[in-house]
Amino acid sequence: MKKFLEEFKQFALRGNVMDLAVGVIIGAAFQNIVTALTEDFINPIINCIGKTEIGGSIQIFNTGQYISYGDFITSVINFVIMAFVIFLLMKGINKFMAIGKKEEAPAAPVTKKCPYCLSEIHIDAVKCPHCTSSLIEEQPVTEEV
């Protein structure tokens, strides 16, 4: 049992788990801010412009059951705002993390094409394994007198 508790402690206190916990707590607090923004500012503005009320509902066949379309629209607006803010946040973090990193040079090619059969062969090959053509250019023989 002691070993189990030590493993759990090691797991729970790892950096990734703690970062995730902090992110969830901050995300929940930020969600309350976005919900307040939507309900207190955005919905009244939409209500004034469209002369309709977002906080409405529709009764289903006089059964006393209602579909709250206003709550759904508010939730969609909340989601769009949250997604946009997270997108901007991640874009900023990625840009910040890229500062000071050097771009990697492209790797040198390791293959080439045989000029006779156009097969991919190793760059250092002197004979094509497919068509057995010699890839070494022969030097013209010149006679010296």
Protein backbone atom coordinates (compact mmCIF):
# COMPACT_ATOMS: atom_id res chain seq x y z
CA MET A 1 0.00 0.00 0.00
CA LYS A 2 2.88 2.34 0.79
CA LYS A 3 4.41 1.75 -2.64
CA PHE A 4 1.04 2.49 -4.27
CA LEU A 5 0.76 5.81 -2.40
CA GLU A 6 4.31 6.75 -3.40
CA GLU A 7 3.55 6.00 -7.07
CA PHE A 8 0.37 8.06 -6.87
CA LYS A 9 2.25 10.94 -5.24
CA GLN A 10 4.92 10.79 -7.95
CA PHE A 11 2.21 10.78 -10.64
CA ALA A 12 0.15 13.60 -9.11
CA LEU A 13 3.09 15.90 -8.56
CA ARG A 14 4.56 15.56 -12.03
CA GLY A 15 4.75 18.78 -14.00
CA ASN A 16 2.18 17.86 -16.65
CA VAL A 17 -0.51 16.93 -14.14
CA MET A 18 0.01 20.10 -12.11
CA ASP A 19 -0.05 22.24 -15.27
CA LEU A 20 -3.29 20.57 -16.33
CA ALA A 21 -4.86 21.20 -12.92
CA VAL A 22 -3.91 24.88 -13.03
CA GLY A 23 -5.24 25.14 -16.58
CA VAL A 24 -8.59 23.61 -15.62
CA ILE A 25 -9.00 25.93 -12.64
CA ILE A 26 -8.13 29.03 -14.66
CA GLY A 27 -10.36 27.83 -17.51
CA ALA A 28 -13.33 27.42 -15.16
CA ALA A 29 -12.81 30.91 -13.76
CA PHE A 30 -12.46 32.35 -17.26
CA GLN A 31 -15.65 30.56 -18.32
CA ASN A 32 -17.56 32.49 -15.65
CA ILE A 33 -16.18 35.75 -17.05
CA VAL A 34 -17.17 34.81 -20.60
CA THR A 35 -20.66 33.76 -19.47
CA ALA A 36 -21.13 37.08 -17.67
CA LEU A 37 -19.89 38.96 -20.76
CA THR A 38 -22.33 37.10 -22.99
CA GLU A 39 -25.36 37.39 -20.72
CA ASP A 40 -24.77 40.96 -19.51
CA PHE A 41 -23.37 42.65 -22.62
CA ILE A 42 -23.68 40.66 -25.85
CA ASN A 43 -27.26 39.37 -25.42
CA PRO A 44 -28.70 42.84 -24.58
CA ILE A 45 -26.92 44.33 -27.61
CA ILE A 46 -28.34 41.61 -29.87
CA ASN A 47 -31.77 42.12 -28.29
CA CYS A 48 -31.63 45.87 -29.05
CA ILE A 49 -30.45 45.41 -32.62
CA GLY A 50 -32.71 42.55 -33.61
CA LYS A 51 -35.76 43.59 -31.57
CA THR A 52 -35.94 39.99 -30.37
CA GLU A 53 -35.10 38.34 -27.10
CA ILE A 54 -32.40 35.70 -27.02
CA GLY A 55 -33.52 34.40 -23.63
CA GLY A 56 -36.72 32.90 -25.00
CA SER A 57 -38.17 29.44 -25.11
CA ILE A 58 -40.77 27.57 -27.14
CA GLN A 59 -43.52 25.41 -25.61
CA ILE A 60 -43.83 21.96 -27.16
CA PHE A 61 -47.41 21.03 -28.16
CA ASN A 62 -48.99 22.62 -25.04
CA THR A 63 -47.44 19.92 -22.84
CA GLY A 64 -45.74 22.25 -20.41
CA GLN A 65 -42.31 21.25 -21.78
CA TYR A 66 -40.15 24.03 -23.19
CA ILE A 67 -37.20 24.24 -25.53
CA SER A 68 -34.89 26.98 -24.25
CA TYR A 69 -33.33 28.17 -27.47
CA GLY A 70 -32.00 31.29 -25.74
CA ASP A 71 -29.81 29.23 -23.41
CA PHE A 72 -28.50 27.28 -26.38
CA ILE A 73 -27.62 30.41 -28.35
CA THR A 74 -25.92 31.87 -25.27
CA SER A 75 -23.88 28.66 -24.87
CA VAL A 76 -22.85 28.78 -28.53
CA ILE A 77 -21.72 32.40 -28.17
CA ASN A 78 -19.79 31.46 -25.01
CA PHE A 79 -18.09 28.60 -26.86
CA VAL A 80 -17.10 30.80 -29.81
CA ILE A 81 -15.62 33.43 -27.48
CA MET A 82 -13.72 30.80 -25.45
CA ALA A 83 -12.41 29.10 -28.61
CA PHE A 84 -11.27 32.43 -30.06
CA VAL A 85 -9.49 33.47 -26.85
CA ILE A 86 -7.77 30.05 -26.57
CA PHE A 87 -6.74 30.30 -30.23
CA LEU A 88 -5.18 33.73 -29.63
CA LEU A 89 -3.52 32.51 -26.44
CA MET A 90 -1.98 29.47 -28.14
CA LYS A 91 -0.87 31.56 -31.12
CA GLY A 92 0.90 33.95 -28.75
CA ILE A 93 2.51 31.11 -26.79
CA ASN A 94 3.74 29.43 -29.98
CA LYS A 95 5.21 32.72 -31.21
CA PHE A 96 6.88 33.28 -27.83
CA MET A 97 8.33 29.74 -27.81
CA ALA A 98 9.71 30.22 -31.34
CA ILE A 99 11.82 33.21 -30.28
CA GLY A 100 15.49 32.27 -30.29
CA LYS A 101 15.04 28.93 -32.05
CA LYS A 102 17.13 28.42 -35.14
CA GLU A 103 15.54 26.95 -38.21
CA GLU A 104 16.96 23.58 -39.13
CA ALA A 105 18.81 23.35 -42.41
CA PRO A 106 17.27 20.95 -44.89
CA ALA A 107 18.88 17.53 -44.81
CA ALA A 108 21.24 16.58 -47.60
CA PRO A 109 19.69 14.26 -50.17
CA VAL A 110 20.45 10.57 -49.69
CA THR A 111 19.12 9.35 -53.04
CA LYS A 112 19.40 10.28 -56.67
CA LYS A 113 17.80 9.10 -59.91
CA CYS A 114 19.52 6.80 -62.31
CA PRO A 115 19.85 8.71 -65.62
CA TYR A 116 19.06 5.55 -67.59
CA CYS A 117 16.10 3.88 -65.83
CA LEU A 118 15.07 6.79 -63.54
CA SER A 119 14.97 4.54 -60.45
CA GLU A 120 15.77 5.92 -56.99
CA ILE A 121 19.25 4.82 -55.94
CA HIS A 122 21.66 5.70 -53.13
CA ILE A 123 23.60 8.89 -53.74
CA ASP A 124 26.99 7.15 -53.51
CA ALA A 125 26.11 4.34 -55.94
CA VAL A 126 28.44 3.89 -58.90
CA LYS A 127 26.30 1.25 -60.58
CA CYS A 128 22.50 1.18 -60.76
CA PRO A 129 21.13 -1.93 -58.98
CA HIS A 130 18.07 -1.92 -61.25
CA CYS A 131 19.47 -1.57 -64.76
CA THR A 132 23.15 -2.27 -63.93
CA SER A 133 24.29 0.83 -65.81
CA SER A 134 27.59 2.34 -64.81
CA LEU A 135 27.06 5.77 -63.27
CA ILE A 136 30.70 6.87 -63.39
CA GLU A 137 31.38 9.19 -66.26
CA GLU A 138 34.17 7.82 -68.32
CA GLN A 139 36.96 10.24 -69.12
CA PRO A 140 37.69 10.57 -72.81
CA VAL A 141 41.02 9.13 -73.72
CA THR A 142 43.40 11.66 -75.18
CA GLU A 143 46.58 10.65 -76.82
CA GLU A 144 49.64 12.47 -75.84
CA VAL A 145 52.44 12.70 -78.25
